[in-house]
Amino acid sequence: MNLERLPNEEKLSLCRKYYLGGFAFLPFLWLVNVVWFFREAFLKPTYTEQLQIKTYVKRSALGLLLWVAVLTTWIIIFQHFRAEWGEVGDYLSFTIPLGIP
């Protein structure tokens, strides 16, 4: 999508939709929001809607970083303790490795 062709009001609306969509457990939308709107928020000359776009981009980046931290923590904990959890660890696994870790 070419953001240059959109009016500023539509840019703000699209940025807000991606920001709110990220709360539906879709952090990828926050990544898209940060990548697409970073230039609009921080590098373009000032216009009326820019302050709100900047806020959505900052919050999207923060939400994305939080998701990455939580997901990374879960992966590390699961990989480290899966065998110790016994049957529960096996039920949480898609593939059950054979043998002793």
PDB file of N, CA and C in Angstrom:
ATOM      1  N   MET A   1       0.847  -1.173   0.000  1.00  0.00           N
ATOM      2  CA  MET A   1       0.000   0.000   0.000  1.00  0.00           C
ATOM      3  C   MET A   1       0.895   1.239   0.000  1.00  0.00           C
ATOM      4  N   ASN A   2       0.528   2.197  -0.798  1.00  0.00           N
ATOM      5  CA  ASN A   2       1.269   3.447  -0.871  1.00  0.00           C
ATOM      6  C   ASN A   2       0.590   4.479   0.024  1.00  0.00           C
ATOM      7  N   LEU A   3       1.231   4.798   1.134  1.00  0.00           N
ATOM      8  CA  LEU A   3       0.654   5.765   2.072  1.00  0.00           C
ATOM      9  C   LEU A   3       0.689   7.187   1.535  1.00  0.00           C
ATOM     10  N   GLU A   4       1.528   7.429   0.555  1.00  0.00           N
ATOM     11  CA  GLU A   4       1.634   8.773  -0.015  1.00  0.00           C
ATOM     12  C   GLU A   4       0.326   9.212  -0.683  1.00  0.00           C
ATOM     13  N   ARG A   5      -0.432   8.252  -1.183  1.00  0.00           N
ATOM     14  CA  ARG A   5      -1.668   8.585  -1.908  1.00  0.00           C
ATOM     15  C   ARG A   5      -2.862   8.803  -0.980  1.00  0.00           C
ATOM     16  N   LEU A   6      -2.747   8.388   0.272  1.00  0.00           N
ATOM     17  CA  LEU A   6      -3.874   8.517   1.207  1.00  0.00           C
ATOM     18  C   LEU A   6      -3.908   9.904   1.829  1.00  0.00           C
ATOM     19  N   PRO A   7      -5.093  10.433   2.041  1.00  0.00           N
ATOM     20  CA  PRO A   7      -5.184  11.679   2.811  1.00  0.00           C
ATOM     21  C   PRO A   7      -4.803  11.413   4.275  1.00  0.00           C
ATOM     22  N   ASN A   8      -4.420  12.451   4.973  1.00  0.00           N
ATOM     23  CA  ASN A   8      -3.949  12.303   6.350  1.00  0.00           C
ATOM     24  C   ASN A   8      -4.998  11.692   7.276  1.00  0.00           C
ATOM     25  N   GLU A   9      -6.270  12.003   7.062  1.00  0.00           N
ATOM     26  CA  GLU A   9      -7.331  11.451   7.901  1.00  0.00           C
ATOM     27  C   GLU A   9      -7.418   9.934   7.751  1.00  0.00           C
ATOM     28  N   GLU A  10      -7.247   9.450   6.522  1.00  0.00           N
ATOM     29  CA  GLU A  10      -7.294   8.006   6.282  1.00  0.00           C
ATOM     30  C   GLU A  10      -6.049   7.308   6.835  1.00  0.00           C
ATOM     31  N   LYS A  11      -4.913   7.983   6.791  1.00  0.00           N
ATOM     32  CA  LYS A  11      -3.702   7.430   7.390  1.00  0.00           C
ATOM     33  C   LYS A  11      -3.917   7.224   8.892  1.00  0.00           C
ATOM     34  N   LEU A  12      -4.487   8.229   9.530  1.00  0.00           N
ATOM     35  CA  LEU A  12      -4.760   8.136  10.964  1.00  0.00           C
ATOM     36  C   LEU A  12      -5.746   7.010  11.250  1.00  0.00           C
ATOM     37  N   SER A  13      -6.774   6.894  10.450  1.00  0.00           N
ATOM     38  CA  SER A  13      -7.768   5.845  10.639  1.00  0.00           C
ATOM     39  C   SER A  13      -7.146   4.453  10.475  1.00  0.00           C
ATOM     40  N   LEU A  14      -6.326   4.284   9.453  1.00  0.00           N
ATOM     41  CA  LEU A  14      -5.673   2.998   9.211  1.00  0.00           C
ATOM     42  C   LEU A  14      -4.694   2.660  10.337  1.00  0.00           C
ATOM     43  N   CYS A  15      -3.936   3.632  10.772  1.00  0.00           N
ATOM     44  CA  CYS A  15      -2.983   3.430  11.858  1.00  0.00           C
ATOM     45  C   CYS A  15      -3.713   3.019  13.139  1.00  0.00           C
ATOM     46  N   ARG A  16      -4.838   3.675  13.402  1.00  0.00           N
ATOM     47  CA  ARG A  16      -5.630   3.351  14.592  1.00  0.00           C
ATOM     48  C   ARG A  16      -6.206   1.939  14.505  1.00  0.00           C
ATOM     49  N   LYS A  17      -6.659   1.523  13.324  1.00  0.00           N
ATOM     50  CA  LYS A  17      -7.210   0.175  13.152  1.00  0.00           C
ATOM     51  C   LYS A  17      -6.158  -0.892  13.411  1.00  0.00           C
ATOM     52  N   TYR A  18      -4.951  -0.691  12.889  1.00  0.00           N
ATOM     53  CA  TYR A  18      -3.883  -1.657  13.132  1.00  0.00           C
ATOM     54  C   TYR A  18      -3.481  -1.678  14.609  1.00  0.00           C
ATOM     55  N   TYR A  19      -3.470  -0.518  15.230  1.00  0.00           N
ATOM     56  CA  TYR A  19      -3.144  -0.451  16.657  1.00  0.00           C
ATOM     57  C   TYR A  19      -4.176  -1.226  17.476  1.00  0.00           C
ATOM     58  N   LEU A  20      -5.443  -0.977  17.239  1.00  0.00           N
ATOM     59  CA  LEU A  20      -6.489  -1.680  17.989  1.00  0.00           C
ATOM     60  C   LEU A  20      -6.537  -3.162  17.634  1.00  0.00           C
ATOM     61  N   GLY A  21      -6.242  -3.512  16.381  1.00  0.00           N
ATOM     62  CA  GLY A  21      -6.219  -4.910  15.974  1.00  0.00           C
ATOM     63  C   GLY A  21      -5.167  -5.716  16.709  1.00  0.00           C
ATOM     64  N   GLY A  22      -4.089  -5.077  17.108  1.00  0.00           N
ATOM     65  CA  GLY A  22      -3.040  -5.758  17.857  1.00  0.00           C
ATOM     66  C   GLY A  22      -3.515  -6.279  19.200  1.00  0.00           C
ATOM     67  N   PHE A  23      -4.545  -5.665  19.764  1.00  0.00           N
ATOM     68  CA  PHE A  23      -5.083  -6.118  21.047  1.00  0.00           C
ATOM     69  C   PHE A  23      -5.903  -7.391  20.915  1.00  0.00           C
ATOM     70  N   ALA A  24      -6.200  -7.819  19.705  1.00  0.00           N
ATOM     71  CA  ALA A  24      -6.939  -9.063  19.470  1.00  0.00           C
ATOM     72  C   ALA A  24      -5.952 -10.229  19.338  1.00  0.00           C
ATOM     73  N   PHE A  25      -4.871 -10.187  20.131  1.00  0.00           N
ATOM     74  CA  PHE A  25      -3.823 -11.203  20.116  1.00  0.00           C
ATOM     75  C   PHE A  25      -3.215 -11.360  18.722  1.00  0.00           C
ATOM     76  N   LEU A  26      -3.057 -10.234  18.028  1.00  0.00           N
ATOM     77  CA  LEU A  26      -2.431 -10.207  16.707  1.00  0.00           C
ATOM     78  C   LEU A  26      -1.265  -9.208  16.717  1.00  0.00           C
ATOM     79  N   PRO A  27      -0.194  -9.533  17.451  1.00  0.00           N
ATOM     80  CA  PRO A  27       0.911  -8.573  17.556  1.00  0.00           C
ATOM     81  C   PRO A  27       1.591  -8.285  16.229  1.00  0.00           C
ATOM     82  N   PHE A  28       1.371  -9.149  15.238  1.00  0.00           N
ATOM     83  CA  PHE A  28       1.928  -8.882  13.907  1.00  0.00           C
ATOM     84  C   PHE A  28       1.380  -7.561  13.356  1.00  0.00           C
ATOM     85  N   LEU A  29       0.150  -7.219  13.695  1.00  0.00           N
ATOM     86  CA  LEU A  29      -0.416  -5.944  13.241  1.00  0.00           C
ATOM     87  C   LEU A  29       0.346  -4.764  13.837  1.00  0.00           C
ATOM     88  N   TRP A  30       0.833  -4.923  15.067  1.00  0.00           N
ATOM     89  CA  TRP A  30       1.643  -3.861  15.653  1.00  0.00           C
ATOM     90  C   TRP A  30       2.959  -3.702  14.905  1.00  0.00           C
ATOM     91  N   LEU A  31       3.542  -4.823  14.496  1.00  0.00           N
ATOM     92  CA  LEU A  31       4.774  -4.761  13.712  1.00  0.00           C
ATOM     93  C   LEU A  31       4.524  -4.031  12.391  1.00  0.00           C
ATOM     94  N   VAL A  32       3.448  -4.388  11.714  1.00  0.00           N
ATOM     95  CA  VAL A  32       3.096  -3.733  10.451  1.00  0.00           C
ATOM     96  C   VAL A  32       2.860  -2.237  10.687  1.00  0.00           C
ATOM     97  N   ASN A  33       2.179  -1.904  11.760  1.00  0.00           N
ATOM     98  CA  ASN A  33       1.896  -0.510  12.083  1.00  0.00           C
ATOM     99  C   ASN A  33       3.194   0.276  12.277  1.00  0.00           C
ATOM    100  N   VAL A  34       4.131  -0.282  13.015  1.00  0.00           N
ATOM    101  CA  VAL A  34       5.402   0.407  13.256  1.00  0.00           C
ATOM    102  C   VAL A  34       6.178   0.575  11.952  1.00  0.00           C
ATOM    103  N   VAL A  35       6.247  -0.472  11.148  1.00  0.00           N
ATOM    104  CA  VAL A  35       7.020  -0.405   9.909  1.00  0.00           C
ATOM    105  C   VAL A  35       6.387   0.565   8.910  1.00  0.00           C
ATOM    106  N   TRP A  36       5.081   0.473   8.737  1.00  0.00           N
ATOM    107  CA  TRP A  36       4.411   1.319   7.749  1.00  0.00           C
ATOM    108  C   TRP A  36       4.374   2.786   8.135  1.00  0.00           C
ATOM    109  N   PHE A  37       4.129   3.066   9.397  1.00  0.00           N
ATOM    110  CA  PHE A  37       3.858   4.440   9.796  1.00  0.00           C
ATOM    111  C   PHE A  37       5.025   5.138  10.489  1.00  0.00           C
ATOM    112  N   PHE A  38       6.168   4.481  10.622  1.00  0.00           N
ATOM    113  CA  PHE A  38       7.310   5.124  11.281  1.00  0.00           C
ATOM    114  C   PHE A  38       7.721   6.394  10.554  1.00  0.00           C
ATOM    115  N   ARG A  39       7.829   6.298   9.246  1.00  0.00           N
ATOM    116  CA  ARG A  39       8.240   7.463   8.449  1.00  0.00           C
ATOM    117  C   ARG A  39       7.213   8.590   8.565  1.00  0.00           C
ATOM    118  N   GLU A  40       5.938   8.228   8.509  1.00  0.00           N
ATOM    119  CA  GLU A  40       4.871   9.238   8.639  1.00  0.00           C
ATOM    120  C   GLU A  40       4.918   9.918  10.007  1.00  0.00           C
ATOM    121  N   ALA A  41       5.211   9.150  11.037  1.00  0.00           N
ATOM    122  CA  ALA A  41       5.156   9.675  12.393  1.00  0.00           C
ATOM    123  C   ALA A  41       6.373  10.523  12.757  1.00  0.00           C
ATOM    124  N   PHE A  42       7.554  10.122  12.275  1.00  0.00           N
ATOM    125  CA  PHE A  42       8.762  10.755  12.792  1.00  0.00           C
ATOM    126  C   PHE A  42       9.606  11.496  11.756  1.00  0.00           C
ATOM    127  N   LEU A  43       9.417  11.227  10.480  1.00  0.00           N
ATOM    128  CA  LEU A  43      10.306  11.827   9.476  1.00  0.00           C
ATOM    129  C   LEU A  43       9.638  12.849   8.566  1.00  0.00           C
ATOM    130  N   LYS A  44       8.325  12.833   8.471  1.00  0.00           N
ATOM    131  CA  LYS A  44       7.613  13.770   7.596  1.00  0.00           C
ATOM    132  C   LYS A  44       7.461  15.127   8.289  1.00  0.00           C
ATOM    133  N   PRO A  45       7.280  16.184   7.490  1.00  0.00           N
ATOM    134  CA  PRO A  45       6.969  17.493   8.092  1.00  0.00           C
ATOM    135  C   PRO A  45       5.665  17.420   8.893  1.00  0.00           C
ATOM    136  N   THR A  46       5.558  18.255   9.886  1.00  0.00           N
ATOM    137  CA  THR A  46       4.427  18.227  10.812  1.00  0.00           C
ATOM    138  C   THR A  46       3.107  18.531  10.124  1.00  0.00           C
ATOM    139  N   TYR A  47       2.082  17.754  10.481  1.00  0.00           N
ATOM    140  CA  TYR A  47       0.711  18.011  10.057  1.00  0.00           C
ATOM    141  C   TYR A  47      -0.208  17.636  11.217  1.00  0.00           C
ATOM    142  N   THR A  48      -1.478  17.944  11.096  1.00  0.00           N
ATOM    143  CA  THR A  48      -2.418  17.858  12.212  1.00  0.00           C
ATOM    144  C   THR A  48      -2.518  16.466  12.827  1.00  0.00           C
ATOM    145  N   GLU A  49      -2.654  15.443  12.017  1.00  0.00           N
ATOM    146  CA  GLU A  49      -2.877  14.085  12.519  1.00  0.00           C
ATOM    147  C   GLU A  49      -1.589  13.396  12.960  1.00  0.00           C
ATOM    148  N   GLN A  50      -0.453  14.018  12.724  1.00  0.00           N
ATOM    149  CA  GLN A  50       0.825  13.358  12.969  1.00  0.00           C
ATOM    150  C   GLN A  50       1.041  13.018  14.449  1.00  0.00           C
ATOM    151  N   LEU A  51       0.615  13.855  15.343  1.00  0.00           N
ATOM    152  CA  LEU A  51       0.805  13.597  16.768  1.00  0.00           C
ATOM    153  C   LEU A  51       0.077  12.324  17.205  1.00  0.00           C
ATOM    154  N   GLN A  52      -1.145  12.134  16.706  1.00  0.00           N
ATOM    155  CA  GLN A  52      -1.888  10.922  17.042  1.00  0.00           C
ATOM    156  C   GLN A  52      -1.254   9.692  16.402  1.00  0.00           C
ATOM    157  N   ILE A  53      -0.789   9.813  15.168  1.00  0.00           N
ATOM    158  CA  ILE A  53      -0.116   8.695  14.499  1.00  0.00           C
ATOM    159  C   ILE A  53       1.151   8.325  15.269  1.00  0.00           C
ATOM    160  N   LYS A  54       1.878   9.336  15.714  1.00  0.00           N
ATOM    161  CA  LYS A  54       3.097   9.099  16.481  1.00  0.00           C
ATOM    162  C   LYS A  54       2.780   8.332  17.768  1.00  0.00           C
ATOM    163  N   THR A  55       1.693   8.685  18.422  1.00  0.00           N
ATOM    164  CA  THR A  55       1.283   7.994  19.646  1.00  0.00           C
ATOM    165  C   THR A  55       0.951   6.537  19.358  1.00  0.00           C
ATOM    166  N   TYR A  56       0.201   6.278  18.291  1.00  0.00           N
ATOM    167  CA  TYR A  56      -0.149   4.902  17.934  1.00  0.00           C
ATOM    168  C   TYR A  56       1.089   4.080  17.568  1.00  0.00           C
ATOM    169  N   VAL A  57       2.039   4.692  16.880  1.00  0.00           N
ATOM    170  CA  VAL A  57       3.256   3.984  16.494  1.00  0.00           C
ATOM    171  C   VAL A  57       4.082   3.644  17.734  1.00  0.00           C
ATOM    172  N   LYS A  58       4.225   4.578  18.649  1.00  0.00           N
ATOM    173  CA  LYS A  58       4.971   4.316  19.883  1.00  0.00           C
ATOM    174  C   LYS A  58       4.307   3.210  20.705  1.00  0.00           C
ATOM    175  N   ARG A  59       2.994   3.281  20.835  1.00  0.00           N
ATOM    176  CA  ARG A  59       2.288   2.261  21.613  1.00  0.00           C
ATOM    177  C   ARG A  59       2.338   0.896  20.921  1.00  0.00           C
ATOM    178  N   SER A  60       2.282   0.893  19.606  1.00  0.00           N
ATOM    179  CA  SER A  60       2.400  -0.366  18.861  1.00  0.00           C
ATOM    180  C   SER A  60       3.771  -0.984  19.079  1.00  0.00           C
ATOM    181  N   ALA A  61       4.811  -0.162  19.063  1.00  0.00           N
ATOM    182  CA  ALA A  61       6.170  -0.667  19.288  1.00  0.00           C
ATOM    183  C   ALA A  61       6.306  -1.220  20.704  1.00  0.00           C
ATOM    184  N   LEU A  62       5.731  -0.535  21.666  1.00  0.00           N
ATOM    185  CA  LEU A  62       5.777  -1.001  23.050  1.00  0.00           C
ATOM    186  C   LEU A  62       5.026  -2.322  23.209  1.00  0.00           C
ATOM    187  N   GLY A  63       3.849  -2.413  22.628  1.00  0.00           N
ATOM    188  CA  GLY A  63       3.079  -3.651  22.686  1.00  0.00           C
ATOM    189  C   GLY A  63       3.799  -4.796  22.014  1.00  0.00           C
ATOM    190  N   LEU A  64       4.427  -4.524  20.879  1.00  0.00           N
ATOM    191  CA  LEU A  64       5.180  -5.552  20.164  1.00  0.00           C
ATOM    192  C   LEU A  64       6.357  -6.034  21.004  1.00  0.00           C
ATOM    193  N   LEU A  65       7.086  -5.116  21.616  1.00  0.00           N
ATOM    194  CA  LEU A  65       8.210  -5.510  22.468  1.00  0.00           C
ATOM    195  C   LEU A  65       7.741  -6.331  23.659  1.00  0.00           C
ATOM    196  N   LEU A  66       6.610  -5.968  24.229  1.00  0.00           N
ATOM    197  CA  LEU A  66       6.056  -6.732  25.344  1.00  0.00           C
ATOM    198  C   LEU A  66       5.699  -8.145  24.896  1.00  0.00           C
ATOM    199  N   TRP A  67       5.049  -8.274  23.743  1.00  0.00           N
ATOM    200  CA  TRP A  67       4.703  -9.593  23.210  1.00  0.00           C
ATOM    201  C   TRP A  67       5.943 -10.430  22.952  1.00  0.00           C
ATOM    202  N   VAL A  68       6.962  -9.838  22.371  1.00  0.00           N
ATOM    203  CA  VAL A  68       8.198 -10.571  22.087  1.00  0.00           C
ATOM    204  C   VAL A  68       8.836 -11.042  23.391  1.00  0.00           C
ATOM    205  N   ALA A  69       8.854 -10.181  24.405  1.00  0.00           N
ATOM    206  CA  ALA A  69       9.436 -10.559  25.698  1.00  0.00           C
ATOM    207  C   ALA A  69       8.659 -11.703  26.344  1.00  0.00           C
ATOM    208  N   VAL A  70       7.330 -11.615  26.338  1.00  0.00           N
ATOM    209  CA  VAL A  70       6.512 -12.665  26.937  1.00  0.00           C
ATOM    210  C   VAL A  70       6.666 -13.977  26.172  1.00  0.00           C
ATOM    211  N   LEU A  71       6.618 -13.921  24.863  1.00  0.00           N
ATOM    212  CA  LEU A  71       6.741 -15.129  24.053  1.00  0.00           C
ATOM    213  C   LEU A  71       8.124 -15.770  24.208  1.00  0.00           C
ATOM    214  N   THR A  72       9.165 -14.959  24.218  1.00  0.00           N
ATOM    215  CA  THR A  72      10.518 -15.481  24.403  1.00  0.00           C
ATOM    216  C   THR A  72      10.674 -16.128  25.776  1.00  0.00           C
ATOM    217  N   THR A  73      10.120 -15.485  26.799  1.00  0.00           N
ATOM    218  CA  THR A  73      10.169 -16.051  28.146  1.00  0.00           C
ATOM    219  C   THR A  73       9.451 -17.386  28.195  1.00  0.00           C
ATOM    220  N   TRP A  74       8.269 -17.469  27.605  1.00  0.00           N
ATOM    221  CA  TRP A  74       7.523 -18.724  27.596  1.00  0.00           C
ATOM    222  C   TRP A  74       8.292 -19.822  26.861  1.00  0.00           C
ATOM    223  N   ILE A  75       8.879 -19.509  25.735  1.00  0.00           N
ATOM    224  CA  ILE A  75       9.628 -20.509  24.963  1.00  0.00           C
ATOM    225  C   ILE A  75      10.813 -21.033  25.774  1.00  0.00           C
ATOM    226  N   ILE A  76      11.532 -20.142  26.430  1.00  0.00           N
ATOM    227  CA  ILE A  76      12.676 -20.559  27.237  1.00  0.00           C
ATOM    228  C   ILE A  76      12.228 -21.443  28.396  1.00  0.00           C
ATOM    229  N   ILE A  77      11.186 -21.018  29.116  1.00  0.00           N
ATOM    230  CA  ILE A  77      10.687 -21.809  30.239  1.00  0.00           C
ATOM    231  C   ILE A  77      10.189 -23.168  29.758  1.00  0.00           C
ATOM    232  N   PHE A  78       9.435 -23.197  28.681  1.00  0.00           N
ATOM    233  CA  PHE A  78       8.881 -24.454  28.188  1.00  0.00           C
ATOM    234  C   PHE A  78       9.980 -25.401  27.732  1.00  0.00           C
ATOM    235  N   GLN A  79      10.952 -24.888  26.996  1.00  0.00           N
ATOM    236  CA  GLN A  79      12.030 -25.749  26.521  1.00  0.00           C
ATOM    237  C   GLN A  79      12.880 -26.293  27.671  1.00  0.00           C
ATOM    238  N   HIS A  80      13.021 -25.502  28.702  1.00  0.00           N
ATOM    239  CA  HIS A  80      13.862 -25.906  29.821  1.00  0.00           C
ATOM    240  C   HIS A  80      13.157 -26.912  30.740  1.00  0.00           C
ATOM    241  N   PHE A  81      11.879 -26.724  30.997  1.00  0.00           N
ATOM    242  CA  PHE A  81      11.174 -27.514  32.008  1.00  0.00           C
ATOM    243  C   PHE A  81      10.171 -28.516  31.458  1.00  0.00           C
ATOM    244  N   ARG A  82      10.039 -28.639  30.144  1.00  0.00           N
ATOM    245  CA  ARG A  82       9.019 -29.524  29.585  1.00  0.00           C
ATOM    246  C   ARG A  82       9.141 -30.946  30.100  1.00  0.00           C
ATOM    247  N   ALA A  83      10.326 -31.474  30.145  1.00  0.00           N
ATOM    248  CA  ALA A  83      10.522 -32.855  30.587  1.00  0.00           C
ATOM    249  C   ALA A  83      10.169 -33.024  32.068  1.00  0.00           C
ATOM    250  N   GLU A  84      10.436 -32.012  32.876  1.00  0.00           N
ATOM    251  CA  GLU A  84      10.138 -32.085  34.309  1.00  0.00           C
ATOM    252  C   GLU A  84       8.635 -32.009  34.579  1.00  0.00           C
ATOM    253  N   TRP A  85       7.874 -31.441  33.670  1.00  0.00           N
ATOM    254  CA  TRP A  85       6.438 -31.304  33.866  1.00  0.00           C
ATOM    255  C   TRP A  85       5.702 -32.612  33.609  1.00  0.00           C
ATOM    256  N   GLY A  86       6.397 -33.598  33.075  1.00  0.00           N
ATOM    257  CA  GLY A  86       5.810 -34.910  32.858  1.00  0.00           C
ATOM    258  C   GLY A  86       4.678 -34.894  31.851  1.00  0.00           C
ATOM    259  N   GLU A  87       3.535 -35.433  32.263  1.00  0.00           N
ATOM    260  CA  GLU A  87       2.391 -35.594  31.359  1.00  0.00           C
ATOM    261  C   GLU A  87       1.857 -34.247  30.865  1.00  0.00           C
ATOM    262  N   VAL A  88       1.849 -33.251  31.736  1.00  0.00           N
ATOM    263  CA  VAL A  88       1.366 -31.926  31.337  1.00  0.00           C
ATOM    264  C   VAL A  88       2.248 -31.357  30.222  1.00  0.00           C
ATOM    265  N   GLY A  89       3.560 -31.505  30.368  1.00  0.00           N
ATOM    266  CA  GLY A  89       4.483 -31.054  29.325  1.00  0.00           C
ATOM    267  C   GLY A  89       4.258 -31.773  28.017  1.00  0.00           C
ATOM    268  N   ASP A  90       3.932 -33.075  28.113  1.00  0.00           N
ATOM    269  CA  ASP A  90       3.653 -33.844  26.895  1.00  0.00           C
ATOM    270  C   ASP A  90       2.371 -33.370  26.224  1.00  0.00           C
ATOM    271  N   TYR A  91       1.348 -33.049  27.015  1.00  0.00           N
ATOM    272  CA  TYR A  91       0.090 -32.575  26.437  1.00  0.00           C
ATOM    273  C   TYR A  91       0.246 -31.202  25.777  1.00  0.00           C
ATOM    274  N   LEU A  92       1.170 -30.399  26.286  1.00  0.00           N
ATOM    275  CA  LEU A  92       1.415 -29.082  25.710  1.00  0.00           C
ATOM    276  C   LEU A  92       2.272 -29.146  24.450  1.00  0.00           C
ATOM    277  N   SER A  93       2.891 -30.282  24.198  1.00  0.00           N
ATOM    278  CA  SER A  93       3.781 -30.442  23.042  1.00  0.00           C
ATOM    279  C   SER A  93       2.996 -30.906  21.825  1.00  0.00           C
ATOM    280  N   PHE A  94       3.395 -30.425  20.668  1.00  0.00           N
ATOM    281  CA  PHE A  94       2.814 -30.910  19.428  1.00  0.00           C
ATOM    282  C   PHE A  94       3.460 -32.226  19.022  1.00  0.00           C
ATOM    283  N   THR A  95       4.756 -32.323  19.221  1.00  0.00           N
ATOM    284  CA  THR A  95       5.476 -33.570  18.970  1.00  0.00           C
ATOM    285  C   THR A  95       6.174 -33.964  20.264  1.00  0.00           C
ATOM    286  N   ILE A  96       6.041 -35.189  20.644  1.00  0.00           N
ATOM    287  CA  ILE A  96       6.617 -35.649  21.895  1.00  0.00           C
ATOM    288  C   ILE A  96       7.953 -36.311  21.572  1.00  0.00           C
ATOM    289  N   PRO A  97       9.060 -35.733  22.047  1.00  0.00           N
ATOM    290  CA  PRO A  97      10.359 -36.353  21.772  1.00  0.00           C
ATOM    291  C   PRO A  97      10.519 -37.638  22.579  1.00  0.00           C
ATOM    292  N   LEU A  98      11.197 -38.593  21.995  1.00  0.00           N
ATOM    293  CA  LEU A  98      11.422 -39.866  22.653  1.00  0.00           C
ATOM    294  C   LEU A  98      12.720 -39.823  23.436  1.00  0.00           C
ATOM    295  N   GLY A  99      12.762 -40.539  24.526  1.00  0.00           N
ATOM    296  CA  GLY A  99      13.986 -40.633  25.309  1.00  0.00           C
ATOM    297  C   GLY A  99      14.010 -39.629  26.446  1.00  0.00           C
ATOM    298  N   ILE A 100      15.116 -39.608  27.127  1.00  0.00           N
ATOM    299  CA  ILE A 100      15.317 -38.718  28.275  1.00  0.00           C
ATOM    300  C   ILE A 100      16.155 -37.522  27.812  1.00  0.00           C
ATOM    301  N   PRO A 101      15.746 -36.287  28.169  1.00  0.00           N
ATOM    302  CA  PRO A 101      16.487 -35.115  27.713  1.00  0.00           C
ATOM    303  C   PRO A 101      17.864 -35.007  28.328  1.00  0.00           C
TER     304      PRO A 101
END
